[in-house]
Amino acid sequence: LGVPRDEPRKADDYVRYATSVAARKSNIVALGLVGKEGAQPVGQFERAFQTAEKKGVPRVPHAGELQGADGIQKVIEALLPSRIADGWGAAESQDILNTLVAQQIPLDLSLVRPVKLKKIAGYADYPLRKLVDDGVTITIGSDMPALFKTTLSDQYHAIVRDLGFSIEALEKLALNAVRASFLPDDEKQAMLERFQQEYATLRAEHLESQGA
């Protein structure tokens, strides 16, 4: 459930709903922060997100697209994020990278957004390798597929084709989506095992059979 950045006065109402029985029945699993960075100071949402944290609601603010590392730092300090969406600019700050690793905050990113917004020339310029090598937990999404004309499969292909990741490394990234999910631990473990079994089957069928 995304709180609009230009409506800080309504943040408490969003949290009130996000922590309700009705929200759980509607499959609301986390509280987000969406909209143009800088529309309002992040501090105006601090109380609402702290309330969400105290009531056990995960927090997934969007940060980095316009304010880069500074925007990410602000949400880490004020909003106690469980995950951060976008995360553009994180690779430019070693302090941010260290904090993400130390606090075990995954980045939920999509390679297509900075390409379409002309921040980088192509997928090969995305600093994904830096993020992974520094130990940040990364999940890959398709962002807004209808707008950016992409799919999750397209993003996976780009990671292998343009960034030189191995199939094994891609599989780890894919499984991070399960590891970083907000499922109960027993359901998460069951899903991990099911995905790993399916990947093993696919590998045997499409790679090992071809001597890859």
N, C-alpha and C. Protein backbone atom coordinates (compact mmCIF):
# COMPACT_ATOMS: atom_id res chain seq x y z
N LEU A 1 0.86 -1.18 0.00
CA LEU A 1 0.00 0.00 0.00
C LEU A 1 0.89 1.23 0.00
N GLY A 2 0.85 2.01 -1.08
CA GLY A 2 1.79 3.11 -1.23
C GLY A 2 1.25 4.43 -0.69
N VAL A 3 2.00 5.05 0.20
CA VAL A 3 1.68 6.38 0.70
C VAL A 3 2.22 7.40 -0.30
N PRO A 4 1.40 8.29 -0.85
CA PRO A 4 1.91 9.30 -1.79
C PRO A 4 2.82 10.31 -1.08
N ARG A 5 3.94 10.61 -1.69
CA ARG A 5 4.89 11.54 -1.08
C ARG A 5 4.32 12.95 -0.94
N ASP A 6 3.33 13.29 -1.73
CA ASP A 6 2.78 14.64 -1.64
C ASP A 6 1.58 14.72 -0.69
N GLU A 7 1.33 13.65 0.08
CA GLU A 7 0.21 13.65 1.01
C GLU A 7 0.64 13.17 2.40
N PRO A 8 1.61 13.83 3.02
CA PRO A 8 2.07 13.37 4.34
C PRO A 8 1.00 13.40 5.41
N ARG A 9 0.03 14.29 5.28
CA ARG A 9 -1.02 14.37 6.29
C ARG A 9 -1.91 13.14 6.30
N LYS A 10 -1.91 12.40 5.20
CA LYS A 10 -2.74 11.20 5.13
C LYS A 10 -1.97 9.93 5.51
N ALA A 11 -0.70 10.08 5.83
CA ALA A 11 0.14 8.90 6.09
C ALA A 11 -0.40 8.06 7.25
N ASP A 12 -0.85 8.73 8.31
CA ASP A 12 -1.38 7.97 9.45
C ASP A 12 -2.61 7.17 9.06
N ASP A 13 -3.44 7.72 8.16
CA ASP A 13 -4.62 7.00 7.70
C ASP A 13 -4.22 5.75 6.91
N TYR A 14 -3.18 5.89 6.09
CA TYR A 14 -2.70 4.73 5.33
C TYR A 14 -2.19 3.64 6.28
N VAL A 15 -1.47 4.06 7.30
CA VAL A 15 -0.94 3.08 8.25
C VAL A 15 -2.07 2.43 9.03
N ARG A 16 -3.04 3.22 9.40
CA ARG A 16 -4.19 2.68 10.14
C ARG A 16 -4.87 1.58 9.33
N TYR A 17 -5.02 1.81 8.04
CA TYR A 17 -5.63 0.78 7.21
C TYR A 17 -4.68 -0.40 7.01
N ALA A 18 -3.41 -0.12 6.78
CA ALA A 18 -2.44 -1.19 6.52
C ALA A 18 -2.33 -2.16 7.68
N THR A 19 -2.64 -1.70 8.88
CA THR A 19 -2.53 -2.55 10.07
C THR A 19 -3.88 -3.16 10.46
N SER A 20 -4.89 -2.99 9.62
CA SER A 20 -6.24 -3.46 9.96
C SER A 20 -6.48 -4.88 9.47
N VAL A 21 -7.54 -5.49 10.00
CA VAL A 21 -7.95 -6.81 9.54
C VAL A 21 -8.38 -6.75 8.08
N ALA A 22 -9.04 -5.67 7.71
CA ALA A 22 -9.49 -5.52 6.32
C ALA A 22 -8.32 -5.53 5.35
N ALA A 23 -7.22 -4.91 5.74
CA ALA A 23 -6.03 -4.89 4.88
C ALA A 23 -5.47 -6.29 4.71
N ARG A 24 -5.41 -7.05 5.79
CA ARG A 24 -4.90 -8.42 5.69
C ARG A 24 -5.79 -9.26 4.77
N LYS A 25 -7.11 -9.06 4.87
CA LYS A 25 -8.02 -9.80 4.00
C LYS A 25 -7.87 -9.38 2.54
N SER A 26 -7.38 -8.15 2.33
CA SER A 26 -7.17 -7.63 0.98
C SER A 26 -5.75 -7.89 0.48
N ASN A 27 -5.00 -8.69 1.24
CA ASN A 27 -3.63 -9.08 0.86
C ASN A 27 -2.64 -7.92 0.85
N ILE A 28 -2.86 -6.93 1.72
CA ILE A 28 -1.87 -5.87 1.91
C ILE A 28 -0.77 -6.44 2.79
N VAL A 29 0.47 -6.45 2.29
CA VAL A 29 1.56 -7.09 3.03
C VAL A 29 2.62 -6.10 3.49
N ALA A 30 2.56 -4.85 3.00
CA ALA A 30 3.61 -3.88 3.37
C ALA A 30 3.12 -2.46 3.12
N LEU A 31 3.87 -1.51 3.66
CA LEU A 31 3.59 -0.10 3.45
C LEU A 31 4.69 0.51 2.60
N GLY A 32 4.31 1.19 1.54
CA GLY A 32 5.29 1.80 0.65
C GLY A 32 5.26 3.32 0.74
N LEU A 33 6.21 3.94 0.06
CA LEU A 33 6.24 5.39 -0.11
C LEU A 33 6.51 5.64 -1.58
N VAL A 34 5.57 6.30 -2.26
CA VAL A 34 5.66 6.42 -3.71
C VAL A 34 5.48 7.87 -4.14
N GLY A 35 5.88 8.15 -5.36
CA GLY A 35 5.75 9.50 -5.89
C GLY A 35 7.10 10.17 -6.04
N LYS A 36 7.08 11.41 -6.46
CA LYS A 36 8.29 12.15 -6.76
C LYS A 36 9.10 12.45 -5.50
N GLU A 37 10.34 12.00 -5.50
CA GLU A 37 11.22 12.30 -4.37
C GLU A 37 11.37 13.81 -4.20
N GLY A 38 11.30 14.25 -2.97
CA GLY A 38 11.43 15.66 -2.70
C GLY A 38 10.11 16.40 -2.67
N ALA A 39 9.00 15.71 -3.01
CA ALA A 39 7.69 16.37 -2.95
C ALA A 39 7.42 16.91 -1.55
N GLN A 40 7.83 16.12 -0.56
CA GLN A 40 7.76 16.52 0.84
C GLN A 40 8.95 15.89 1.56
N PRO A 41 9.46 16.50 2.60
CA PRO A 41 10.58 15.90 3.34
C PRO A 41 10.21 14.53 3.88
N VAL A 42 11.14 13.60 3.79
CA VAL A 42 10.89 12.24 4.26
C VAL A 42 10.52 12.23 5.74
N GLY A 43 11.08 13.17 6.51
CA GLY A 43 10.80 13.22 7.94
C GLY A 43 9.33 13.35 8.28
N GLN A 44 8.53 13.87 7.34
CA GLN A 44 7.11 14.02 7.61
C GLN A 44 6.38 12.67 7.65
N PHE A 45 7.04 11.63 7.17
CA PHE A 45 6.43 10.30 7.17
C PHE A 45 7.02 9.41 8.28
N GLU A 46 7.94 9.95 9.04
CA GLU A 46 8.67 9.14 10.01
C GLU A 46 7.74 8.52 11.04
N ARG A 47 6.85 9.30 11.61
CA ARG A 47 5.97 8.76 12.66
C ARG A 47 5.11 7.62 12.12
N ALA A 48 4.56 7.80 10.93
CA ALA A 48 3.70 6.78 10.36
C ALA A 48 4.45 5.48 10.12
N PHE A 49 5.66 5.59 9.58
CA PHE A 49 6.42 4.38 9.29
C PHE A 49 6.94 3.72 10.57
N GLN A 50 7.23 4.50 11.58
CA GLN A 50 7.61 3.91 12.87
C GLN A 50 6.44 3.16 13.48
N THR A 51 5.24 3.70 13.32
CA THR A 51 4.04 3.00 13.79
C THR A 51 3.88 1.68 13.07
N ALA A 52 4.09 1.70 11.74
CA ALA A 52 4.01 0.47 10.97
C ALA A 52 5.03 -0.55 11.46
N GLU A 53 6.25 -0.10 11.74
CA GLU A 53 7.30 -1.00 12.24
C GLU A 53 6.91 -1.61 13.57
N LYS A 54 6.36 -0.80 14.46
CA LYS A 54 5.97 -1.30 15.78
C LYS A 54 4.84 -2.32 15.69
N LYS A 55 4.00 -2.19 14.66
CA LYS A 55 2.87 -3.10 14.50
C LYS A 55 3.19 -4.25 13.54
N GLY A 56 4.44 -4.37 13.17
CA GLY A 56 4.86 -5.52 12.38
C GLY A 56 4.54 -5.45 10.91
N VAL A 57 4.31 -4.25 10.38
CA VAL A 57 4.04 -4.10 8.95
C VAL A 57 5.35 -3.74 8.23
N PRO A 58 5.80 -4.54 7.29
CA PRO A 58 7.04 -4.23 6.55
C PRO A 58 6.93 -2.90 5.82
N ARG A 59 8.10 -2.24 5.62
CA ARG A 59 8.15 -0.93 4.98
C ARG A 59 9.00 -1.02 3.71
N VAL A 60 8.44 -0.56 2.59
CA VAL A 60 9.15 -0.63 1.31
C VAL A 60 9.07 0.72 0.59
N PRO A 61 9.81 1.70 1.04
CA PRO A 61 9.80 3.00 0.36
C PRO A 61 10.55 2.96 -0.96
N HIS A 62 10.10 3.78 -1.88
CA HIS A 62 10.80 3.98 -3.15
C HIS A 62 11.81 5.11 -2.94
N ALA A 63 13.05 4.90 -3.33
CA ALA A 63 14.06 5.94 -3.09
C ALA A 63 15.20 5.81 -4.07
N GLY A 64 15.81 6.95 -4.41
CA GLY A 64 17.01 6.96 -5.23
C GLY A 64 16.84 7.51 -6.62
N GLU A 65 15.65 7.44 -7.18
CA GLU A 65 15.47 7.79 -8.58
C GLU A 65 15.91 9.23 -8.89
N LEU A 66 15.53 10.17 -8.03
CA LEU A 66 15.87 11.57 -8.25
C LEU A 66 16.97 12.07 -7.31
N GLN A 67 16.99 11.54 -6.09
CA GLN A 67 17.93 12.05 -5.09
C GLN A 67 19.12 11.15 -4.88
N GLY A 68 19.18 10.02 -5.58
CA GLY A 68 20.34 9.15 -5.50
C GLY A 68 20.63 8.65 -4.09
N ALA A 69 21.92 8.57 -3.79
CA ALA A 69 22.35 8.03 -2.50
C ALA A 69 21.79 8.85 -1.34
N ASP A 70 21.68 10.15 -1.52
CA ASP A 70 21.15 11.00 -0.45
C ASP A 70 19.70 10.64 -0.13
N GLY A 71 18.92 10.37 -1.16
CA GLY A 71 17.53 9.97 -0.93
C GLY A 71 17.43 8.63 -0.23
N ILE A 72 18.33 7.72 -0.58
CA ILE A 72 18.35 6.40 0.08
C ILE A 72 18.72 6.56 1.54
N GLN A 73 19.73 7.37 1.82
CA GLN A 73 20.15 7.61 3.20
C GLN A 73 19.01 8.16 4.03
N LYS A 74 18.24 9.06 3.47
CA LYS A 74 17.13 9.68 4.21
C LYS A 74 16.07 8.64 4.60
N VAL A 75 15.72 7.75 3.68
CA VAL A 75 14.69 6.77 4.02
C VAL A 75 15.22 5.73 4.99
N ILE A 76 16.51 5.41 4.90
CA ILE A 76 17.08 4.46 5.87
C ILE A 76 17.00 5.05 7.27
N GLU A 77 17.34 6.31 7.41
CA GLU A 77 17.37 6.95 8.72
C GLU A 77 15.98 7.18 9.29
N ALA A 78 15.01 7.52 8.43
CA ALA A 78 13.71 7.95 8.93
C ALA A 78 12.63 6.87 8.89
N LEU A 79 12.71 5.94 7.93
CA LEU A 79 11.57 5.08 7.68
C LEU A 79 11.78 3.61 8.01
N LEU A 80 12.95 3.24 8.49
CA LEU A 80 13.21 1.86 8.92
C LEU A 80 12.80 0.85 7.86
N PRO A 81 13.33 0.97 6.64
CA PRO A 81 12.85 0.13 5.54
C PRO A 81 13.19 -1.35 5.69
N SER A 82 12.22 -2.18 5.30
CA SER A 82 12.45 -3.62 5.20
C SER A 82 13.08 -3.96 3.86
N ARG A 83 12.70 -3.21 2.84
CA ARG A 83 13.29 -3.27 1.51
C ARG A 83 13.25 -1.86 0.95
N ILE A 84 14.03 -1.59 -0.07
CA ILE A 84 13.99 -0.30 -0.76
C ILE A 84 13.76 -0.56 -2.23
N ALA A 85 12.75 0.10 -2.80
CA ALA A 85 12.46 -0.03 -4.22
C ALA A 85 13.26 0.99 -5.01
N ASP A 86 13.78 0.59 -6.14
CA ASP A 86 14.59 1.39 -7.07
C ASP A 86 16.04 1.37 -6.62
N GLY A 87 16.41 2.20 -5.64
CA GLY A 87 17.77 2.17 -5.12
C GLY A 87 18.82 2.76 -6.03
N TRP A 88 18.39 3.52 -7.07
CA TRP A 88 19.37 4.11 -7.97
C TRP A 88 20.30 5.05 -7.20
N GLY A 89 21.57 4.94 -7.42
CA GLY A 89 22.55 5.77 -6.74
C GLY A 89 23.24 5.07 -5.59
N ALA A 90 22.73 3.93 -5.17
CA ALA A 90 23.35 3.21 -4.05
C ALA A 90 24.80 2.84 -4.35
N ALA A 91 25.08 2.44 -5.58
CA ALA A 91 26.43 2.00 -5.95
C ALA A 91 27.45 3.13 -5.91
N GLU A 92 26.97 4.38 -5.86
CA GLU A 92 27.88 5.52 -5.85
C GLU A 92 28.37 5.87 -4.45
N SER A 93 27.82 5.24 -3.44
CA SER A 93 28.19 5.55 -2.06
C SER A 93 28.57 4.28 -1.31
N GLN A 94 29.82 4.16 -0.94
CA GLN A 94 30.24 2.99 -0.18
C GLN A 94 29.58 2.95 1.19
N ASP A 95 29.33 4.11 1.77
CA ASP A 95 28.64 4.16 3.06
C ASP A 95 27.25 3.56 2.95
N ILE A 96 26.54 3.90 1.88
CA ILE A 96 25.20 3.35 1.68
C ILE A 96 25.28 1.84 1.48
N LEU A 97 26.22 1.39 0.67
CA LEU A 97 26.37 -0.04 0.44
C LEU A 97 26.65 -0.77 1.75
N ASN A 98 27.53 -0.21 2.55
CA ASN A 98 27.85 -0.84 3.84
C ASN A 98 26.63 -0.90 4.74
N THR A 99 25.82 0.16 4.72
CA THR A 99 24.63 0.19 5.56
C THR A 99 23.60 -0.83 5.10
N LEU A 100 23.40 -0.93 3.79
CA LEU A 100 22.44 -1.90 3.26
C LEU A 100 22.84 -3.32 3.65
N VAL A 101 24.13 -3.61 3.59
CA VAL A 101 24.61 -4.95 3.95
C VAL A 101 24.48 -5.17 5.46
N ALA A 102 24.92 -4.20 6.25
CA ALA A 102 24.90 -4.35 7.71
C ALA A 102 23.49 -4.49 8.24
N GLN A 103 22.55 -3.74 7.67
CA GLN A 103 21.17 -3.78 8.15
C GLN A 103 20.31 -4.78 7.38
N GLN A 104 20.93 -5.48 6.44
CA GLN A 104 20.25 -6.51 5.64
C GLN A 104 18.99 -5.95 4.98
N ILE A 105 19.16 -4.84 4.28
CA ILE A 105 18.07 -4.20 3.57
C ILE A 105 18.21 -4.52 2.08
N PRO A 106 17.33 -5.33 1.52
CA PRO A 106 17.42 -5.64 0.09
C PRO A 106 17.03 -4.44 -0.77
N LEU A 107 17.59 -4.41 -1.99
CA LEU A 107 17.16 -3.44 -3.00
C LEU A 107 16.32 -4.17 -4.03
N ASP A 108 15.14 -3.65 -4.27
CA ASP A 108 14.25 -4.20 -5.29
C ASP A 108 14.37 -3.30 -6.51
N LEU A 109 15.11 -3.74 -7.52
CA LEU A 109 15.42 -2.85 -8.63
C LEU A 109 15.01 -3.43 -9.97
N SER A 110 14.97 -2.53 -10.95
CA SER A 110 14.71 -2.91 -12.33
C SER A 110 15.71 -2.18 -13.22
N LEU A 111 16.37 -2.93 -14.08
CA LEU A 111 17.37 -2.32 -14.96
C LEU A 111 16.74 -1.39 -15.98
N VAL A 112 15.48 -1.62 -16.33
CA VAL A 112 14.88 -0.89 -17.43
C VAL A 112 14.61 0.57 -17.09
N ARG A 113 14.29 0.88 -15.83
CA ARG A 113 13.91 2.26 -15.50
C ARG A 113 15.01 3.27 -15.83
N PRO A 114 16.25 3.10 -15.34
CA PRO A 114 17.27 4.10 -15.68
C PRO A 114 17.62 4.14 -17.16
N VAL A 115 17.40 3.03 -17.86
CA VAL A 115 17.63 3.04 -19.31
C VAL A 115 16.60 3.92 -19.99
N LYS A 116 15.33 3.71 -19.65
CA LYS A 116 14.25 4.48 -20.27
C LYS A 116 14.30 5.94 -19.85
N LEU A 117 14.80 6.23 -18.65
CA LEU A 117 14.89 7.61 -18.18
C LEU A 117 16.19 8.28 -18.59
N LYS A 118 16.98 7.58 -19.42
CA LYS A 118 18.22 8.13 -19.98
C LYS A 118 19.30 8.42 -18.93
N LYS A 119 19.25 7.71 -17.82
CA LYS A 119 20.32 7.83 -16.83
C LYS A 119 21.56 7.07 -17.29
N ILE A 120 21.34 5.99 -18.03
CA ILE A 120 22.43 5.20 -18.59
C ILE A 120 22.08 4.88 -20.03
N ALA A 121 23.10 4.58 -20.82
CA ALA A 121 22.89 4.34 -22.25
C ALA A 121 22.24 2.99 -22.53
N GLY A 122 22.54 2.00 -21.68
CA GLY A 122 22.00 0.67 -21.90
C GLY A 122 22.18 -0.20 -20.67
N TYR A 123 21.65 -1.41 -20.74
CA TYR A 123 21.71 -2.32 -19.60
C TYR A 123 23.13 -2.59 -19.13
N ALA A 124 24.06 -2.63 -20.06
CA ALA A 124 25.45 -2.94 -19.71
C ALA A 124 26.05 -1.92 -18.76
N ASP A 125 25.45 -0.73 -18.70
CA ASP A 125 25.98 0.32 -17.83
C ASP A 125 25.38 0.30 -16.43
N TYR A 126 24.44 -0.59 -16.18
CA TYR A 126 23.85 -0.65 -14.84
C TYR A 126 24.88 -1.25 -13.87
N PRO A 127 25.09 -0.63 -12.70
CA PRO A 127 26.13 -1.10 -11.77
C PRO A 127 25.70 -2.29 -10.92
N LEU A 128 25.04 -3.25 -11.55
CA LEU A 128 24.54 -4.40 -10.81
C LEU A 128 25.68 -5.22 -10.22
N ARG A 129 26.77 -5.38 -10.96
CA ARG A 129 27.89 -6.18 -10.48
C ARG A 129 28.47 -5.59 -9.20
N LYS A 130 28.58 -4.27 -9.15
CA LYS A 130 29.09 -3.60 -7.95
C LYS A 130 28.20 -3.89 -6.75
N LEU A 131 26.91 -3.80 -6.93
CA LEU A 131 25.97 -4.05 -5.83
C LEU A 131 26.09 -5.49 -5.32
N VAL A 132 26.13 -6.43 -6.26
CA VAL A 132 26.19 -7.84 -5.89
C VAL A 132 27.53 -8.16 -5.23
N ASP A 133 28.63 -7.68 -5.82
CA ASP A 133 29.95 -7.98 -5.28
C ASP A 133 30.15 -7.40 -3.89
N ASP A 134 29.47 -6.30 -3.59
CA ASP A 134 29.57 -5.69 -2.26
C ASP A 134 28.66 -6.36 -1.24
N GLY A 135 27.87 -7.35 -1.67
CA GLY A 135 27.08 -8.13 -0.73
C GLY A 135 25.67 -7.64 -0.48
N VAL A 136 25.19 -6.70 -1.31
CA VAL A 136 23.82 -6.23 -1.17
C VAL A 136 22.86 -7.28 -1.71
N THR A 137 21.79 -7.55 -0.98
CA THR A 137 20.77 -8.47 -1.46
C THR A 137 19.93 -7.76 -2.52
N ILE A 138 19.89 -8.32 -3.72
CA ILE A 138 19.20 -7.69 -4.84
C ILE A 138 18.04 -8.57 -5.30
N THR A 139 16.88 -7.95 -5.51
CA THR A 139 15.79 -8.61 -6.19
C THR A 139 15.52 -7.85 -7.49
N ILE A 140 15.12 -8.59 -8.51
CA ILE A 140 14.91 -8.00 -9.83
C ILE A 140 13.41 -7.96 -10.14
N GLY A 141 12.93 -6.79 -10.56
CA GLY A 141 11.54 -6.66 -10.96
C GLY A 141 11.44 -6.05 -12.34
N SER A 142 10.22 -5.96 -12.86
CA SER A 142 9.99 -5.37 -14.18
C SER A 142 9.44 -3.96 -14.07
N ASP A 143 9.33 -3.43 -12.82
CA ASP A 143 8.87 -2.07 -12.58
C ASP A 143 7.46 -1.88 -13.15
N MET A 144 7.31 -1.01 -14.15
CA MET A 144 6.01 -0.78 -14.79
C MET A 144 6.09 -1.33 -16.21
N PRO A 145 5.83 -2.63 -16.38
CA PRO A 145 6.09 -3.28 -17.68
C PRO A 145 5.30 -2.69 -18.84
N ALA A 146 4.07 -2.25 -18.60
CA ALA A 146 3.27 -1.69 -19.69
C ALA A 146 3.87 -0.37 -20.18
N LEU A 147 4.37 0.44 -19.23
CA LEU A 147 4.96 1.72 -19.60
C LEU A 147 6.33 1.56 -20.23
N PHE A 148 7.16 0.71 -19.62
CA PHE A 148 8.53 0.57 -20.09
C PHE A 148 8.71 -0.52 -21.14
N LYS A 149 7.63 -1.18 -21.52
CA LYS A 149 7.66 -2.20 -22.58
C LYS A 149 8.68 -3.29 -22.28
N THR A 150 8.53 -3.89 -21.11
CA THR A 150 9.46 -4.95 -20.71
C THR A 150 8.70 -6.02 -19.95
N THR A 151 9.39 -7.10 -19.65
CA THR A 151 8.87 -8.17 -18.80
C THR A 151 9.99 -8.59 -17.85
N LEU A 152 9.65 -9.39 -16.87
CA LEU A 152 10.67 -9.91 -15.98
C LEU A 152 11.66 -10.78 -16.75
N SER A 153 11.16 -11.54 -17.71
CA SER A 153 12.05 -12.36 -18.54
C SER A 153 13.03 -11.48 -19.31
N ASP A 154 12.56 -10.35 -19.83
CA ASP A 154 13.46 -9.43 -20.53
C ASP A 154 14.58 -8.95 -19.61
N GLN A 155 14.22 -8.64 -18.36
CA GLN A 155 15.21 -8.17 -17.42
C GLN A 155 16.23 -9.26 -17.10
N TYR A 156 15.76 -10.49 -16.94
CA TYR A 156 16.66 -11.61 -16.70
C TYR A 156 17.60 -11.83 -17.89
N HIS A 157 17.07 -11.73 -19.09
CA HIS A 157 17.91 -11.90 -20.29
C HIS A 157 19.01 -10.85 -20.33
N ALA A 158 18.65 -9.61 -20.00
CA ALA A 158 19.63 -8.52 -20.03
C ALA A 158 20.76 -8.75 -19.02
N ILE A 159 20.41 -9.32 -17.87
CA ILE A 159 21.42 -9.56 -16.84
C ILE A 159 22.47 -10.56 -17.33
N VAL A 160 22.03 -11.55 -18.08
CA VAL A 160 22.97 -12.53 -18.63
C VAL A 160 23.64 -12.00 -19.90
N ARG A 161 22.84 -11.46 -20.81
CA ARG A 161 23.35 -11.04 -22.12
C ARG A 161 24.25 -9.80 -22.03
N ASP A 162 23.81 -8.79 -21.30
CA ASP A 162 24.51 -7.50 -21.31
C ASP A 162 25.45 -7.30 -20.12
N LEU A 163 25.19 -7.99 -19.03
CA LEU A 163 26.02 -7.80 -17.84
C LEU A 163 26.91 -8.99 -17.54
N GLY A 164 26.76 -10.06 -18.31
CA GLY A 164 27.68 -11.18 -18.20
C GLY A 164 27.50 -12.05 -16.98
N PHE A 165 26.31 -12.02 -16.36
CA PHE A 165 26.07 -12.90 -15.22
C PHE A 165 25.86 -14.33 -15.71
N SER A 166 26.29 -15.27 -14.90
CA SER A 166 26.07 -16.68 -15.23
C SER A 166 24.64 -17.07 -14.89
N ILE A 167 24.23 -18.22 -15.41
CA ILE A 167 22.91 -18.75 -15.08
C ILE A 167 22.80 -18.99 -13.58
N GLU A 168 23.88 -19.46 -12.97
CA GLU A 168 23.87 -19.71 -11.52
C GLU A 168 23.68 -18.41 -10.74
N ALA A 169 24.34 -17.34 -11.17
CA ALA A 169 24.20 -16.05 -10.51
C ALA A 169 22.80 -15.50 -10.70
N LEU A 170 22.24 -15.69 -11.89
CA LEU A 170 20.88 -15.24 -12.14
C LEU A 170 19.89 -16.00 -11.28
N GLU A 171 20.12 -17.29 -11.12
CA GLU A 171 19.24 -18.10 -10.28
C GLU A 171 19.25 -17.58 -8.84
N LYS A 172 20.42 -17.21 -8.36
CA LYS A 172 20.51 -16.67 -7.00
C LYS A 172 19.72 -15.37 -6.87
N LEU A 173 19.84 -14.51 -7.88
CA LEU A 173 19.07 -13.27 -7.86
C LEU A 173 17.57 -13.55 -7.85
N ALA A 174 17.16 -14.51 -8.65
CA ALA A 174 15.74 -14.86 -8.71
C ALA A 174 15.25 -15.38 -7.36
N LEU A 175 16.06 -16.21 -6.73
CA LEU A 175 15.68 -16.77 -5.44
C LEU A 175 15.67 -15.72 -4.33
N ASN A 176 16.42 -14.64 -4.54
CA ASN A 176 16.39 -13.55 -3.56
C ASN A 176 14.98 -12.98 -3.41
N ALA A 177 14.19 -13.06 -4.47
CA ALA A 177 12.82 -12.57 -4.39
C ALA A 177 12.02 -13.34 -3.35
N VAL A 178 12.31 -14.63 -3.24
CA VAL A 178 11.64 -15.43 -2.21
C VAL A 178 12.23 -15.13 -0.84
N ARG A 179 13.56 -15.06 -0.78
CA ARG A 179 14.23 -14.81 0.50
C ARG A 179 13.84 -13.45 1.09
N ALA A 180 13.61 -12.47 0.24
CA ALA A 180 13.28 -11.12 0.71
C ALA A 180 11.78 -10.89 0.83
N SER A 181 11.00 -11.91 0.57
CA SER A 181 9.55 -11.77 0.65
C SER A 181 9.11 -11.66 2.11
N PHE A 182 7.84 -11.35 2.29
CA PHE A 182 7.29 -11.20 3.63
C PHE A 182 6.44 -12.38 4.06
N LEU A 183 6.70 -13.52 3.43
CA LEU A 183 6.02 -14.75 3.82
C LEU A 183 6.48 -15.20 5.20
N PRO A 184 5.64 -15.93 5.92
CA PRO A 184 6.10 -16.58 7.15
C PRO A 184 7.28 -17.50 6.83
N ASP A 185 8.17 -17.70 7.79
CA ASP A 185 9.40 -18.44 7.54
C ASP A 185 9.16 -19.84 6.98
N ASP A 186 8.13 -20.54 7.48
CA ASP A 186 7.90 -21.91 7.01
C ASP A 186 7.42 -21.90 5.55
N GLU A 187 6.57 -20.95 5.21
CA GLU A 187 6.11 -20.86 3.82
C GLU A 187 7.23 -20.42 2.89
N LYS A 188 8.09 -19.53 3.37
CA LYS A 188 9.21 -19.07 2.58
C LYS A 188 10.16 -20.24 2.28
N GLN A 189 10.45 -21.05 3.29
CA GLN A 189 11.34 -22.18 3.10
C GLN A 189 10.75 -23.18 2.12
N ALA A 190 9.44 -23.41 2.24
CA ALA A 190 8.78 -24.35 1.33
C ALA A 190 8.83 -23.83 -0.10
N MET A 191 8.64 -22.53 -0.29
CA MET A 191 8.69 -21.95 -1.63
C MET A 191 10.11 -22.02 -2.19
N LEU A 192 11.11 -21.74 -1.36
CA LEU A 192 12.50 -21.84 -1.80
C LEU A 192 12.81 -23.24 -2.30
N GLU A 193 12.41 -24.23 -1.55
CA GLU A 193 12.69 -25.61 -1.93
C GLU A 193 11.98 -25.96 -3.23
N ARG A 194 10.75 -25.47 -3.40
CA ARG A 194 10.01 -25.76 -4.62
C ARG A 194 10.67 -25.09 -5.83
N PHE A 195 11.08 -23.84 -5.68
CA PHE A 195 11.76 -23.14 -6.77
C PHE A 195 13.09 -23.83 -7.12
N GLN A 196 13.84 -24.21 -6.09
CA GLN A 196 15.14 -24.85 -6.34
C GLN A 196 14.96 -26.16 -7.08
N GLN A 197 13.91 -26.91 -6.75
CA GLN A 197 13.64 -28.16 -7.46
C GLN A 197 13.28 -27.90 -8.92
N GLU A 198 12.46 -26.86 -9.13
CA GLU A 198 12.07 -26.52 -10.50
C GLU A 198 13.28 -26.04 -11.31
N TYR A 199 14.14 -25.26 -10.70
CA TYR A 199 15.34 -24.79 -11.40
C TYR A 199 16.25 -25.96 -11.77
N ALA A 200 16.37 -26.91 -10.85
CA ALA A 200 17.20 -28.08 -11.13
C ALA A 200 16.64 -28.86 -12.33
N THR A 201 15.32 -28.96 -12.38
CA THR A 201 14.68 -29.65 -13.50
C THR A 201 14.93 -28.91 -14.81
N LEU A 202 14.78 -27.59 -14.79
CA LEU A 202 15.01 -26.79 -15.99
C LEU A 202 16.47 -26.86 -16.44
N ARG A 203 17.38 -26.84 -15.47
CA ARG A 203 18.80 -26.90 -15.80
C ARG A 203 19.14 -28.22 -16.48
N ALA A 204 18.59 -29.31 -15.93
CA ALA A 204 18.85 -30.63 -16.50
C ALA A 204 18.27 -30.75 -17.91
N GLU A 205 17.12 -30.14 -18.11
CA GLU A 205 16.44 -30.25 -19.40
C GLU A 205 17.08 -29.38 -20.46
N HIS A 206 17.47 -28.15 -20.10
CA HIS A 206 17.90 -27.18 -21.12
C HIS A 206 19.40 -26.94 -21.18
N LEU A 207 20.11 -27.22 -20.08
CA LEU A 207 21.54 -26.93 -20.08
C LEU A 207 22.38 -28.20 -20.06
N GLU A 208 22.15 -29.05 -19.08
CA GLU A 208 23.00 -30.23 -18.94
C GLU A 208 22.82 -31.17 -20.11
N SER A 209 21.63 -31.22 -20.66
CA SER A 209 21.39 -32.10 -21.80
C SER A 209 22.14 -31.64 -23.06
N GLN A 210 22.51 -30.34 -23.06
CA GLN A 210 23.24 -29.78 -24.18
C GLN A 210 24.74 -29.68 -23.90
N GLY A 211 25.16 -30.21 -22.75
CA GLY A 211 26.56 -30.18 -22.37
C GLY A 211 27.03 -28.83 -21.93
N ALA A 212 26.08 -27.95 -21.52
CA ALA A 212 26.44 -26.59 -21.10
C ALA A 212 26.94 -26.60 -19.67
